[in-house]
Amino acid sequence: MTLKSKLMGAAAGVAMLVGTHGAFAAGHGGEITVAYFLEWPMPFQFAKVEGMYEEVMGTKINWVSFDTGTAMSAAMASGDVQISVSQGVPPFVVAASAGQDIQIVDVAVSYSDNDNCVVASGLEIDKGSAAELSGKKVAVPLGTAAHYGFLNQMNHFGVDVASMEVVDMAPAEGAAALAQGSLDMACGWGGALRRMKEHGNVLLTGAEKEELGILVFDVTSAPAAFVAEESELLAKFLKVTADANAMWADPANRDKMLPVIAKDAGMDEEATAATIDTFVFPTVEDQMDAKWLGGGAQSFMKGVADVFVGAGAMDAALDTYENTVNTGPLEAAKGM
C-alpha cells in the first residue's frame, strides 16, 4: 500500500467517523480512556503504574495501547478514547485536515536527534560543504516529517532539491541502500537512523534543526469537545505528566523510575535507556514559548500538511492550524 493510499484511507475513515459519531461521546460514566504506545518509553508511565493520575484526578483511567497515531485519531473520533499520549504530528495533521475536531494540549516529547538525514561517509560532506549535495541521490520517505526536515535542511543550505535524485524509500530500506553504497544520503528515524549513522554523518544536530524551526515531536491530543467539557480534569492529567517529567529530569530518580518505565513499555532496561536518552520532555514553561505552542508548532503543522499535499498524500491542507492547539488546560496545570 502506498503512502498516499494509507493517508487518504485514514483521512476518509476519520471523516466518516466524525460524520457518524461526533468527536466525543458525552457521559463517560466517571472514567476515561487514555491511548499510548508500547515500546515508546516516557516518564508518564511511572505515574501511570504508580496510580498517580487516578489519585490526582479522582477518575478511573482505562489505559489502552495503540500501534499507530492514525488508530488513535479514529478512536478519538468514535468517542472511545478521550486523551492520546504521544500521538505523532503527521497523523494528527491528517485527521485535523480531514475535518476531525481534535486539539493539541501539550508537547509530549521532542526527539529531533531521532529523525534526521545522513550523508555517506565517503563523500566527506558536512554542514560547511553541504552545497556539494547538489546532483546527489537521496532516499527520503515522502510525505513524512523526515521529508519536511529534508526539504528545510536543503533550503537552509541553498541546495536545489530539483537538482537531486530523490527516491521514495522507507527508512529501513534507505539505511540498507546507504550501507550498500548505492545512495549519497538517506533520511529516516529510530533504529534505521542509528544504522544510517554507521555509514555516514548528519549535517545538523537536533538542536541546530530546532533553531531553524525543524521540529520533530509528539503531542498529547484530545477531542475538542472533551477539552471544552473536561478542561479541569485534563489540566490535572497534564499536571501529573509534567510532574513525572520533572521527576525524570532529576538523575536521582532514574534508578527508581527506569525499571518501572521499561516494564510498562514492554522493553528491557538497556533498550529503554538508549531510547529515552534521545528524548527531550519540554517543561510547561518551555511548551508555552514561541518555539512550541506559542506559534512554532502551528507553523510546523502547516509545513507538514503542505508537504503531504505536495506529495499527493492529502487532498488539501487547512489554511491555518492555529485552532488545533488549545493551551488553556496547560495554563491551568501550570498554576496547580
C-alpha atoms as a PDB file:
ATOM      1  CA  MET A   1       0.000   0.000   0.000  1.00  0.00           C
ATOM      2  CA  THR A   2       1.372   3.421  -0.936  1.00  0.00           C
ATOM      3  CA  LEU A   3       1.762   6.331   1.435  1.00  0.00           C
ATOM      4  CA  LYS A   4      -0.956   8.152  -0.469  1.00  0.00           C
ATOM      5  CA  SER A   5      -3.462   5.320  -0.140  1.00  0.00           C
ATOM      6  CA  LYS A   6      -2.605   4.855   3.539  1.00  0.00           C
ATOM      7  CA  LEU A   7      -3.078   8.508   4.432  1.00  0.00           C
ATOM      8  CA  MET A   8      -6.065   9.066   2.179  1.00  0.00           C
ATOM      9  CA  GLY A   9      -7.700   5.951   3.604  1.00  0.00           C
ATOM     10  CA  ALA A  10      -7.035   7.168   7.125  1.00  0.00           C
ATOM     11  CA  ALA A  11      -8.441  10.594   6.318  1.00  0.00           C
ATOM     12  CA  ALA A  12     -11.559   9.104   4.762  1.00  0.00           C
ATOM     13  CA  GLY A  13     -12.075   6.841   7.743  1.00  0.00           C
ATOM     14  CA  VAL A  14     -11.747   9.724  10.171  1.00  0.00           C
ATOM     15  CA  ALA A  15     -14.139  11.864   8.148  1.00  0.00           C
ATOM     16  CA  MET A  16     -16.716   9.065   8.190  1.00  0.00           C
ATOM     17  CA  LEU A  17     -16.358   8.596  11.959  1.00  0.00           C
ATOM     18  CA  VAL A  18     -16.687  12.316  12.575  1.00  0.00           C
ATOM     19  CA  GLY A  19     -19.828  12.386  10.493  1.00  0.00           C
ATOM     20  CA  THR A  20     -21.483   9.447  12.224  1.00  0.00           C
ATOM     21  CA  HIS A  21     -20.298   9.559  15.820  1.00  0.00           C
ATOM     22  CA  GLY A  22     -19.053  13.037  16.617  1.00  0.00           C
ATOM     23  CA  ALA A  23     -15.804  13.901  18.292  1.00  0.00           C
ATOM     24  CA  PHE A  24     -16.723  12.998  21.867  1.00  0.00           C
ATOM     25  CA  ALA A  25     -19.190  10.578  23.371  1.00  0.00           C
ATOM     26  CA  ALA A  26     -20.569  12.501  26.319  1.00  0.00           C
ATOM     27  CA  GLY A  27     -21.343  10.799  29.599  1.00  0.00           C
ATOM     28  CA  HIS A  28     -18.276   8.642  30.028  1.00  0.00           C
ATOM     29  CA  GLY A  29     -19.527   7.442  33.394  1.00  0.00           C
ATOM     30  CA  GLY A  30     -16.825   8.808  35.655  1.00  0.00           C
ATOM     31  CA  GLU A  31     -13.984   7.120  33.809  1.00  0.00           C
ATOM     32  CA  ILE A  32     -11.887   7.917  30.775  1.00  0.00           C
ATOM     33  CA  THR A  33      -9.752   6.006  28.300  1.00  0.00           C
ATOM     34  CA  VAL A  34      -6.224   7.135  27.514  1.00  0.00           C
ATOM     35  CA  ALA A  35      -4.249   5.910  24.494  1.00  0.00           C
ATOM     36  CA  TYR A  36      -0.482   5.380  24.491  1.00  0.00           C
ATOM     37  CA  PHE A  37       2.231   3.419  22.671  1.00  0.00           C
ATOM     38  CA  LEU A  38       4.176   0.391  23.770  1.00  0.00           C
ATOM     39  CA  GLU A  39       7.941   0.420  23.112  1.00  0.00           C
ATOM     40  CA  TRP A  40       7.921   4.212  23.408  1.00  0.00           C
ATOM     41  CA  PRO A  41       9.203   4.781  26.962  1.00  0.00           C
ATOM     42  CA  MET A  42       8.276   8.014  28.725  1.00  0.00           C
ATOM     43  CA  PRO A  43       8.206   9.292  32.317  1.00  0.00           C
ATOM     44  CA  PHE A  44       4.398   9.415  32.414  1.00  0.00           C
ATOM     45  CA  GLN A  45       4.443   5.617  32.533  1.00  0.00           C
ATOM     46  CA  PHE A  46       5.926   5.707  36.030  1.00  0.00           C
ATOM     47  CA  ALA A  47       2.983   7.835  37.150  1.00  0.00           C
ATOM     48  CA  LYS A  48       0.641   5.510  35.246  1.00  0.00           C
ATOM     49  CA  VAL A  49       1.893   2.395  37.031  1.00  0.00           C
ATOM     50  CA  GLU A  50       2.026   4.071  40.453  1.00  0.00           C
ATOM     51  CA  GLY A  51      -1.599   5.261  40.171  1.00  0.00           C
ATOM     52  CA  MET A  52      -0.683   8.942  40.398  1.00  0.00           C
ATOM     53  CA  TYR A  53      -3.167  10.007  37.717  1.00  0.00           C
ATOM     54  CA  GLU A  54      -6.176   8.433  39.428  1.00  0.00           C
ATOM     55  CA  GLU A  55      -5.095   9.852  42.780  1.00  0.00           C
ATOM     56  CA  VAL A  56      -4.953  13.423  41.493  1.00  0.00           C
ATOM     57  CA  MET A  57      -7.833  13.247  39.022  1.00  0.00           C
ATOM     58  CA  GLY A  58     -10.237  11.167  41.113  1.00  0.00           C
ATOM     59  CA  THR A  59     -11.239   9.325  37.952  1.00  0.00           C
ATOM     60  CA  LYS A  60     -10.816   5.731  36.805  1.00  0.00           C
ATOM     61  CA  ILE A  61      -8.500   5.556  33.795  1.00  0.00           C
ATOM     62  CA  ASN A  62      -8.505   2.790  31.217  1.00  0.00           C
ATOM     63  CA  TRP A  63      -5.095   2.715  29.532  1.00  0.00           C
ATOM     64  CA  VAL A  64      -5.153   1.239  26.023  1.00  0.00           C
ATOM     65  CA  SER A  65      -2.062   0.749  23.842  1.00  0.00           C
ATOM     66  CA  PHE A  66      -2.192   1.517  20.115  1.00  0.00           C
ATOM     67  CA  ASP A  67       0.082   0.682  17.201  1.00  0.00           C
ATOM     68  CA  THR A  68      -0.339   3.916  15.224  1.00  0.00           C
ATOM     69  CA  GLY A  69      -1.290   7.538  15.670  1.00  0.00           C
ATOM     70  CA  THR A  70      -3.876   7.073  12.928  1.00  0.00           C
ATOM     71  CA  ALA A  71      -5.643   4.479  15.060  1.00  0.00           C
ATOM     72  CA  MET A  72      -5.597   6.949  17.949  1.00  0.00           C
ATOM     73  CA  SER A  73      -7.332   9.536  15.753  1.00  0.00           C
ATOM     74  CA  ALA A  74     -10.036   7.057  14.791  1.00  0.00           C
ATOM     75  CA  ALA A  75     -10.589   6.051  18.419  1.00  0.00           C
ATOM     76  CA  MET A  76     -10.944   9.692  19.459  1.00  0.00           C
ATOM     77  CA  ALA A  77     -13.344  10.324  16.581  1.00  0.00           C
ATOM     78  CA  SER A  78     -15.588   7.467  17.698  1.00  0.00           C
ATOM     79  CA  GLY A  79     -15.550   8.615  21.326  1.00  0.00           C
ATOM     80  CA  ASP A  80     -13.721   5.507  22.534  1.00  0.00           C
ATOM     81  CA  VAL A  81     -10.625   7.471  23.623  1.00  0.00           C
ATOM     82  CA  GLN A  82     -10.605  10.808  25.431  1.00  0.00           C
ATOM     83  CA  ILE A  83      -6.844  11.501  25.581  1.00  0.00           C
ATOM     84  CA  SER A  84      -3.969  10.296  23.378  1.00  0.00           C
ATOM     85  CA  VAL A  85      -0.435  10.499  24.743  1.00  0.00           C
ATOM     86  CA  SER A  86       2.457  10.938  22.330  1.00  0.00           C
ATOM     87  CA  GLN A  87       0.465  10.998  19.111  1.00  0.00           C
ATOM     88  CA  GLY A  88       2.718  11.812  16.171  1.00  0.00           C
ATOM     89  CA  VAL A  89       2.216  15.161  14.479  1.00  0.00           C
ATOM     90  CA  PRO A  90       1.743  13.712  10.953  1.00  0.00           C
ATOM     91  CA  PRO A  91      -1.312  11.550  11.853  1.00  0.00           C
ATOM     92  CA  PHE A  92      -2.700  14.433  13.917  1.00  0.00           C
ATOM     93  CA  VAL A  93      -2.342  16.723  10.900  1.00  0.00           C
ATOM     94  CA  VAL A  94      -4.019  14.166   8.622  1.00  0.00           C
ATOM     95  CA  ALA A  95      -7.003  13.862  10.971  1.00  0.00           C
ATOM     96  CA  ALA A  96      -7.375  17.604  11.562  1.00  0.00           C
ATOM     97  CA  SER A  97      -7.078  18.278   7.830  1.00  0.00           C
ATOM     98  CA  ALA A  98      -9.837  15.732   7.175  1.00  0.00           C
ATOM     99  CA  GLY A  99     -12.187  17.670   9.430  1.00  0.00           C
ATOM    100  CA  GLN A 100     -11.781  15.909  12.773  1.00  0.00           C
ATOM    101  CA  ASP A 101     -12.181  18.396  15.611  1.00  0.00           C
ATOM    102  CA  ILE A 102      -9.189  17.425  17.751  1.00  0.00           C
ATOM    103  CA  GLN A 103      -6.742  19.620  19.582  1.00  0.00           C
ATOM    104  CA  ILE A 104      -3.158  19.518  20.799  1.00  0.00           C
ATOM    105  CA  VAL A 105      -2.967  20.225  24.532  1.00  0.00           C
ATOM    106  CA  ASP A 106       0.739  19.713  25.183  1.00  0.00           C
ATOM    107  CA  VAL A 107       4.057  18.682  23.683  1.00  0.00           C
ATOM    108  CA  ALA A 108       4.581  15.123  24.896  1.00  0.00           C
ATOM    109  CA  VAL A 109       8.147  14.603  23.701  1.00  0.00           C
ATOM    110  CA  SER A 110      10.684  16.126  21.327  1.00  0.00           C
ATOM    111  CA  TYR A 111      13.119  13.845  19.564  1.00  0.00           C
ATOM    112  CA  SER A 112      14.897  15.928  16.959  1.00  0.00           C
ATOM    113  CA  ASP A 113      18.028  13.790  17.298  1.00  0.00           C
ATOM    114  CA  ASN A 114      15.964  10.705  16.462  1.00  0.00           C
ATOM    115  CA  ASP A 115      14.904  11.912  12.991  1.00  0.00           C
ATOM    116  CA  ASN A 116      17.485  13.163  10.503  1.00  0.00           C
ATOM    117  CA  CYS A 117      19.331  12.810   7.206  1.00  0.00           C
ATOM    118  CA  VAL A 118      22.717  11.084   6.955  1.00  0.00           C
ATOM    119  CA  VAL A 119      25.360  11.753   4.286  1.00  0.00           C
ATOM    120  CA  ALA A 120      27.547   8.844   3.148  1.00  0.00           C
ATOM    121  CA  SER A 121      30.955   8.854   4.852  1.00  0.00           C
ATOM    122  CA  GLY A 122      32.856   8.581   1.580  1.00  0.00           C
ATOM    123  CA  LEU A 123      31.623  11.987   0.431  1.00  0.00           C
ATOM    124  CA  GLU A 124      33.146  13.757   3.427  1.00  0.00           C
ATOM    125  CA  ILE A 125      30.399  16.379   3.264  1.00  0.00           C
ATOM    126  CA  ASP A 126      29.403  18.281   6.395  1.00  0.00           C
ATOM    127  CA  LYS A 127      27.423  21.431   7.071  1.00  0.00           C
ATOM    128  CA  GLY A 128      30.324  23.526   5.823  1.00  0.00           C
ATOM    129  CA  SER A 129      30.309  21.862   2.407  1.00  0.00           C
ATOM    130  CA  ALA A 130      26.633  20.905   2.089  1.00  0.00           C
ATOM    131  CA  ALA A 131      26.374  22.706  -1.270  1.00  0.00           C
ATOM    132  CA  GLU A 132      28.191  19.695  -2.729  1.00  0.00           C
ATOM    133  CA  LEU A 133      24.972  17.663  -2.286  1.00  0.00           C
ATOM    134  CA  SER A 134      23.646  19.216  -5.481  1.00  0.00           C
ATOM    135  CA  GLY A 135      23.002  16.455  -8.001  1.00  0.00           C
ATOM    136  CA  LYS A 136      23.338  13.693  -5.413  1.00  0.00           C
ATOM    137  CA  LYS A 137      20.992  10.722  -4.856  1.00  0.00           C
ATOM    138  CA  VAL A 138      18.987  10.714  -1.629  1.00  0.00           C
ATOM    139  CA  ALA A 139      16.408   8.357  -0.130  1.00  0.00           C
ATOM    140  CA  VAL A 140      13.514  10.132   1.605  1.00  0.00           C
ATOM    141  CA  PRO A 141      10.243   8.665   2.942  1.00  0.00           C
ATOM    142  CA  LEU A 142       7.943  11.085   1.114  1.00  0.00           C
ATOM    143  CA  GLY A 143       5.078  12.761   2.938  1.00  0.00           C
ATOM    144  CA  THR A 144       6.623  12.322   6.369  1.00  0.00           C
ATOM    145  CA  ALA A 145       8.165  14.661   8.923  1.00  0.00           C
ATOM    146  CA  ALA A 146      11.544  13.368   7.689  1.00  0.00           C
ATOM    147  CA  HIS A 147      10.626  14.633   4.209  1.00  0.00           C
ATOM    148  CA  TYR A 148       9.706  18.007   5.656  1.00  0.00           C
ATOM    149  CA  GLY A 149      13.003  18.114   7.555  1.00  0.00           C
ATOM    150  CA  PHE A 150      14.962  17.189   4.424  1.00  0.00           C
ATOM    151  CA  LEU A 151      13.351  19.969   2.388  1.00  0.00           C
ATOM    152  CA  ASN A 152      14.039  22.520   5.103  1.00  0.00           C
ATOM    153  CA  GLN A 153      17.665  21.456   5.526  1.00  0.00           C
ATOM    154  CA  MET A 154      18.298  21.668   1.792  1.00  0.00           C
ATOM    155  CA  ASN A 155      16.655  25.093   1.687  1.00  0.00           C
ATOM    156  CA  HIS A 156      18.856  26.207   4.584  1.00  0.00           C
ATOM    157  CA  PHE A 157      21.999  25.085   2.761  1.00  0.00           C
ATOM    158  CA  GLY A 158      20.862  26.519  -0.572  1.00  0.00           C
ATOM    159  CA  VAL A 159      20.726  23.134  -2.307  1.00  0.00           C
ATOM    160  CA  ASP A 160      18.215  22.923  -5.169  1.00  0.00           C
ATOM    161  CA  VAL A 161      16.195  19.757  -4.492  1.00  0.00           C
ATOM    162  CA  ALA A 162      15.209  19.676  -8.163  1.00  0.00           C
ATOM    163  CA  SER A 163      18.863  19.025  -8.969  1.00  0.00           C
ATOM    164  CA  MET A 164      18.903  15.923  -6.761  1.00  0.00           C
ATOM    165  CA  GLU A 165      17.691  12.413  -7.462  1.00  0.00           C
ATOM    166  CA  VAL A 166      15.119  11.915  -4.700  1.00  0.00           C
ATOM    167  CA  VAL A 167      13.970   8.319  -4.193  1.00  0.00           C
ATOM    168  CA  ASP A 168      10.956   7.448  -2.042  1.00  0.00           C
ATOM    169  CA  MET A 169      12.228   4.849   0.446  1.00  0.00           C
ATOM    170  CA  ALA A 170      11.133   3.744   3.901  1.00  0.00           C
ATOM    171  CA  PRO A 171      13.881   4.436   6.483  1.00  0.00           C
ATOM    172  CA  ALA A 172      14.874   0.777   6.802  1.00  0.00           C
ATOM    173  CA  GLU A 173      15.296   0.484   3.035  1.00  0.00           C
ATOM    174  CA  GLY A 174      17.228   3.751   2.919  1.00  0.00           C
ATOM    175  CA  ALA A 175      19.565   2.542   5.655  1.00  0.00           C
ATOM    176  CA  ALA A 176      20.264  -0.688   3.761  1.00  0.00           C
ATOM    177  CA  ALA A 177      20.884   1.171   0.494  1.00  0.00           C
ATOM    178  CA  LEU A 178      23.230   3.634   2.206  1.00  0.00           C
ATOM    179  CA  ALA A 179      25.178   0.735   3.710  1.00  0.00           C
ATOM    180  CA  GLN A 180      25.474  -0.831   0.241  1.00  0.00           C
ATOM    181  CA  GLY A 181      26.885   2.387  -1.184  1.00  0.00           C
ATOM    182  CA  SER A 182      24.039   2.961  -3.625  1.00  0.00           C
ATOM    183  CA  LEU A 183      22.985   6.283  -2.070  1.00  0.00           C
ATOM    184  CA  ASP A 184      24.674   9.566  -1.258  1.00  0.00           C
ATOM    185  CA  MET A 185      22.250  10.411   1.559  1.00  0.00           C
ATOM    186  CA  ALA A 186      19.299   8.843   3.358  1.00  0.00           C
ATOM    187  CA  CYS A 187      16.706  10.245   5.750  1.00  0.00           C
ATOM    188  CA  GLY A 188      14.801   8.468   8.490  1.00  0.00           C
ATOM    189  CA  TRP A 189      14.320   7.871  12.199  1.00  0.00           C
ATOM    190  CA  GLY A 190      14.656   5.381  15.039  1.00  0.00           C
ATOM    191  CA  GLY A 191      16.614   2.188  14.534  1.00  0.00           C
ATOM    192  CA  ALA A 192      17.038   2.873  10.824  1.00  0.00           C
ATOM    193  CA  LEU A 193      18.655   6.228  11.604  1.00  0.00           C
ATOM    194  CA  ARG A 194      21.065   4.555  14.030  1.00  0.00           C
ATOM    195  CA  ARG A 195      22.078   2.139  11.257  1.00  0.00           C
ATOM    196  CA  MET A 196      22.474   5.007   8.798  1.00  0.00           C
ATOM    197  CA  LYS A 197      24.894   6.729  11.170  1.00  0.00           C
ATOM    198  CA  GLU A 198      27.164   3.682  10.994  1.00  0.00           C
ATOM    199  CA  HIS A 199      27.845   4.654   7.369  1.00  0.00           C
ATOM    200  CA  GLY A 200      27.680   8.429   7.434  1.00  0.00           C
ATOM    201  CA  ASN A 201      27.161  11.679   9.308  1.00  0.00           C
ATOM    202  CA  VAL A 202      24.352  14.141   9.920  1.00  0.00           C
ATOM    203  CA  LEU A 203      24.574  17.720   8.675  1.00  0.00           C
ATOM    204  CA  LEU A 204      22.764  19.303  11.614  1.00  0.00           C
ATOM    205  CA  THR A 205      22.180  18.177  15.189  1.00  0.00           C
ATOM    206  CA  GLY A 206      18.692  18.069  16.657  1.00  0.00           C
ATOM    207  CA  ALA A 207      19.268  21.347  18.476  1.00  0.00           C
ATOM    208  CA  GLU A 208      20.531  23.023  15.305  1.00  0.00           C
ATOM    209  CA  LYS A 209      17.466  21.829  13.390  1.00  0.00           C
ATOM    210  CA  GLU A 210      15.151  23.165  16.061  1.00  0.00           C
ATOM    211  CA  GLU A 211      16.771  26.571  15.770  1.00  0.00           C
ATOM    212  CA  LEU A 212      15.706  26.527  12.105  1.00  0.00           C
ATOM    213  CA  GLY A 213      12.140  25.590  13.069  1.00  0.00           C
ATOM    214  CA  ILE A 214      12.549  21.941  12.032  1.00  0.00           C
ATOM    215  CA  LEU A 215      10.753  20.228  14.887  1.00  0.00           C
ATOM    216  CA  VAL A 216      10.261  16.503  15.495  1.00  0.00           C
ATOM    217  CA  PHE A 217       7.809  15.912  18.289  1.00  0.00           C
ATOM    218  CA  ASP A 218       4.739  14.063  19.533  1.00  0.00           C
ATOM    219  CA  VAL A 219       1.767  15.643  21.250  1.00  0.00           C
ATOM    220  CA  THR A 220      -0.924  14.940  23.783  1.00  0.00           C
ATOM    221  CA  SER A 221      -4.181  15.325  21.914  1.00  0.00           C
ATOM    222  CA  ALA A 222      -7.882  15.117  22.697  1.00  0.00           C
ATOM    223  CA  PRO A 223     -11.264  15.714  21.032  1.00  0.00           C
ATOM    224  CA  ALA A 224     -12.114  19.424  21.177  1.00  0.00           C
ATOM    225  CA  ALA A 225     -15.429  18.636  22.873  1.00  0.00           C
ATOM    226  CA  PHE A 226     -13.645  16.776  25.675  1.00  0.00           C
ATOM    227  CA  VAL A 227     -11.172  19.644  26.097  1.00  0.00           C
ATOM    228  CA  ALA A 228     -14.068  22.070  26.464  1.00  0.00           C
ATOM    229  CA  GLU A 229     -16.212  19.911  28.744  1.00  0.00           C
ATOM    230  CA  GLU A 230     -13.492  18.457  30.967  1.00  0.00           C
ATOM    231  CA  SER A 231     -10.828  21.176  30.959  1.00  0.00           C
ATOM    232  CA  GLU A 232     -10.143  20.887  34.714  1.00  0.00           C
ATOM    233  CA  LEU A 233      -9.797  17.110  34.543  1.00  0.00           C
ATOM    234  CA  LEU A 234      -7.468  17.457  31.562  1.00  0.00           C
ATOM    235  CA  ALA A 235      -5.404  20.103  33.373  1.00  0.00           C
ATOM    236  CA  LYS A 236      -4.898  17.656  36.256  1.00  0.00           C
ATOM    237  CA  PHE A 237      -3.776  14.990  33.781  1.00  0.00           C
ATOM    238  CA  LEU A 238      -1.234  17.372  32.275  1.00  0.00           C
ATOM    239  CA  LYS A 239      -0.042  18.389  35.749  1.00  0.00           C
ATOM    240  CA  VAL A 240       0.725  14.773  36.693  1.00  0.00           C
ATOM    241  CA  THR A 241       2.527  14.311  33.363  1.00  0.00           C
ATOM    242  CA  ALA A 242       4.624  17.427  33.959  1.00  0.00           C
ATOM    243  CA  ASP A 243       5.483  16.267  37.467  1.00  0.00           C
ATOM    244  CA  ALA A 244       6.588  12.864  36.131  1.00  0.00           C
ATOM    245  CA  ASN A 245       8.792  14.594  33.550  1.00  0.00           C
ATOM    246  CA  ALA A 246      10.309  16.729  36.303  1.00  0.00           C
ATOM    247  CA  MET A 247      10.999  13.606  38.345  1.00  0.00           C
ATOM    248  CA  TRP A 248      12.811  12.002  35.422  1.00  0.00           C
ATOM    249  CA  ALA A 249      14.856  15.152  34.861  1.00  0.00           C
ATOM    250  CA  ASP A 250      16.406  14.608  38.291  1.00  0.00           C
ATOM    251  CA  PRO A 251      19.122  11.918  37.908  1.00  0.00           C
ATOM    252  CA  ALA A 252      18.493  10.835  41.490  1.00  0.00           C
ATOM    253  CA  ASN A 253      15.169   9.311  40.403  1.00  0.00           C
ATOM    254  CA  ARG A 254      16.439   7.397  37.369  1.00  0.00           C
ATOM    255  CA  ASP A 255      17.250   4.108  39.103  1.00  0.00           C
ATOM    256  CA  LYS A 256      13.800   4.066  40.670  1.00  0.00           C
ATOM    257  CA  MET A 257      11.867   5.044  37.541  1.00  0.00           C
ATOM    258  CA  LEU A 258      13.705   3.219  34.744  1.00  0.00           C
ATOM    259  CA  PRO A 259      12.708  -0.369  35.666  1.00  0.00           C
ATOM    260  CA  VAL A 260       9.058   0.659  36.045  1.00  0.00           C
ATOM    261  CA  ILE A 261       9.008   2.529  32.732  1.00  0.00           C
ATOM    262  CA  ALA A 262      10.802  -0.303  30.928  1.00  0.00           C
ATOM    263  CA  LYS A 263       8.360  -2.942  32.147  1.00  0.00           C
ATOM    264  CA  ASP A 264       5.335  -0.838  31.227  1.00  0.00           C
ATOM    265  CA  ALA A 265       6.804  -0.093  27.791  1.00  0.00           C
ATOM    266  CA  GLY A 266       7.422  -3.789  27.160  1.00  0.00           C
ATOM    267  CA  MET A 267      11.183  -3.292  26.806  1.00  0.00           C
ATOM    268  CA  ASP A 268      14.364  -4.274  28.596  1.00  0.00           C
ATOM    269  CA  GLU A 269      16.106  -1.625  30.664  1.00  0.00           C
ATOM    270  CA  GLU A 270      19.062  -1.209  28.306  1.00  0.00           C
ATOM    271  CA  ALA A 271      16.862  -0.562  25.275  1.00  0.00           C
ATOM    272  CA  THR A 272      14.651   1.721  27.327  1.00  0.00           C
ATOM    273  CA  ALA A 273      17.613   3.810  28.471  1.00  0.00           C
ATOM    274  CA  ALA A 274      19.039   4.009  24.939  1.00  0.00           C
ATOM    275  CA  THR A 275      15.700   5.189  23.573  1.00  0.00           C
ATOM    276  CA  ILE A 276      14.686   7.640  26.272  1.00  0.00           C
ATOM    277  CA  ASP A 277      18.135   9.246  26.217  1.00  0.00           C
ATOM    278  CA  THR A 278      17.314  10.585  22.731  1.00  0.00           C
ATOM    279  CA  PHE A 279      14.107  12.199  24.044  1.00  0.00           C
ATOM    280  CA  VAL A 280      13.538  15.688  25.433  1.00  0.00           C
ATOM    281  CA  PHE A 281      10.482  16.394  27.576  1.00  0.00           C
ATOM    282  CA  PRO A 282       9.830  20.152  27.453  1.00  0.00           C
ATOM    283  CA  THR A 283       8.688  21.786  30.691  1.00  0.00           C
ATOM    284  CA  VAL A 284       5.323  23.530  30.796  1.00  0.00           C
ATOM    285  CA  GLU A 285       7.124  26.874  30.613  1.00  0.00           C
ATOM    286  CA  ASP A 286       9.123  25.754  27.573  1.00  0.00           C
ATOM    287  CA  GLN A 287       5.996  24.467  25.837  1.00  0.00           C
ATOM    288  CA  MET A 288       4.329  27.865  26.092  1.00  0.00           C
ATOM    289  CA  ASP A 289       7.282  29.506  24.337  1.00  0.00           C
ATOM    290  CA  ALA A 290       7.126  30.683  20.705  1.00  0.00           C
ATOM    291  CA  LYS A 291       9.250  27.701  19.697  1.00  0.00           C
ATOM    292  CA  TRP A 292       6.451  25.302  20.633  1.00  0.00           C
ATOM    293  CA  LEU A 293       2.788  26.026  21.354  1.00  0.00           C
ATOM    294  CA  GLY A 294       3.295  29.769  21.158  1.00  0.00           C
ATOM    295  CA  GLY A 295       3.376  29.525  17.365  1.00  0.00           C
ATOM    296  CA  GLY A 296       6.160  27.189  16.280  1.00  0.00           C
ATOM    297  CA  ALA A 297       4.071  24.025  16.435  1.00  0.00           C
ATOM    298  CA  GLN A 298       1.261  25.607  14.436  1.00  0.00           C
ATOM    299  CA  SER A 299       3.656  26.739  11.712  1.00  0.00           C
ATOM    300  CA  PHE A 300       5.326  23.339  11.697  1.00  0.00           C
ATOM    301  CA  MET A 301       1.986  21.581  11.210  1.00  0.00           C
ATOM    302  CA  LYS A 302       1.161  23.830   8.278  1.00  0.00           C
ATOM    303  CA  GLY A 303       4.524  22.953   6.756  1.00  0.00           C
ATOM    304  CA  VAL A 304       3.949  19.227   7.257  1.00  0.00           C
ATOM    305  CA  ALA A 305       0.465  19.490   5.761  1.00  0.00           C
ATOM    306  CA  ASP A 306       1.734  21.352   2.710  1.00  0.00           C
ATOM    307  CA  VAL A 307       4.401  18.681   2.196  1.00  0.00           C
ATOM    308  CA  PHE A 308       1.716  15.986   2.349  1.00  0.00           C
ATOM    309  CA  VAL A 309      -0.416  17.832  -0.189  1.00  0.00           C
ATOM    310  CA  GLY A 310       2.571  18.339  -2.453  1.00  0.00           C
ATOM    311  CA  ALA A 311       3.391  14.630  -2.212  1.00  0.00           C
ATOM    312  CA  GLY A 312      -0.196  13.739  -3.132  1.00  0.00           C
ATOM    313  CA  ALA A 313      -0.797  12.171   0.281  1.00  0.00           C
ATOM    314  CA  MET A 314      -3.630  14.582   1.198  1.00  0.00           C
ATOM    315  CA  ASP A 315      -6.151  16.483  -0.880  1.00  0.00           C
ATOM    316  CA  ALA A 316      -5.805  19.773   0.953  1.00  0.00           C
ATOM    317  CA  ALA A 317      -4.297  21.435   3.996  1.00  0.00           C
ATOM    318  CA  LEU A 318      -6.107  23.760   6.373  1.00  0.00           C
ATOM    319  CA  ASP A 319      -5.497  27.476   5.851  1.00  0.00           C
ATOM    320  CA  THR A 320      -4.103  27.581   9.375  1.00  0.00           C
ATOM    321  CA  TYR A 321      -3.588  25.155  12.241  1.00  0.00           C
ATOM    322  CA  GLU A 322      -3.927  27.821  14.933  1.00  0.00           C
ATOM    323  CA  ASN A 323      -7.256  26.408  16.107  1.00  0.00           C
ATOM    324  CA  THR A 324      -5.865  22.913  16.513  1.00  0.00           C
ATOM    325  CA  VAL A 325      -3.856  23.982  19.580  1.00  0.00           C
ATOM    326  CA  ASN A 326      -5.529  24.725  22.925  1.00  0.00           C
ATOM    327  CA  THR A 327      -3.181  25.837  25.705  1.00  0.00           C
ATOM    328  CA  GLY A 328      -5.935  26.515  28.234  1.00  0.00           C
ATOM    329  CA  PRO A 329      -5.581  23.258  30.196  1.00  0.00           C
ATOM    330  CA  LEU A 330      -1.784  23.537  30.158  1.00  0.00           C
ATOM    331  CA  GLU A 331      -2.010  27.090  31.509  1.00  0.00           C
ATOM    332  CA  ALA A 332      -4.282  25.800  34.275  1.00  0.00           C
ATOM    333  CA  ALA A 333      -1.865  22.957  35.029  1.00  0.00           C
ATOM    334  CA  LYS A 334       0.938  25.489  35.379  1.00  0.00           C
ATOM    335  CA  GLY A 335      -0.930  27.120  38.226  1.00  0.00           C
ATOM    336  CA  MET A 336      -1.686  23.900  40.113  1.00  0.00           C
END
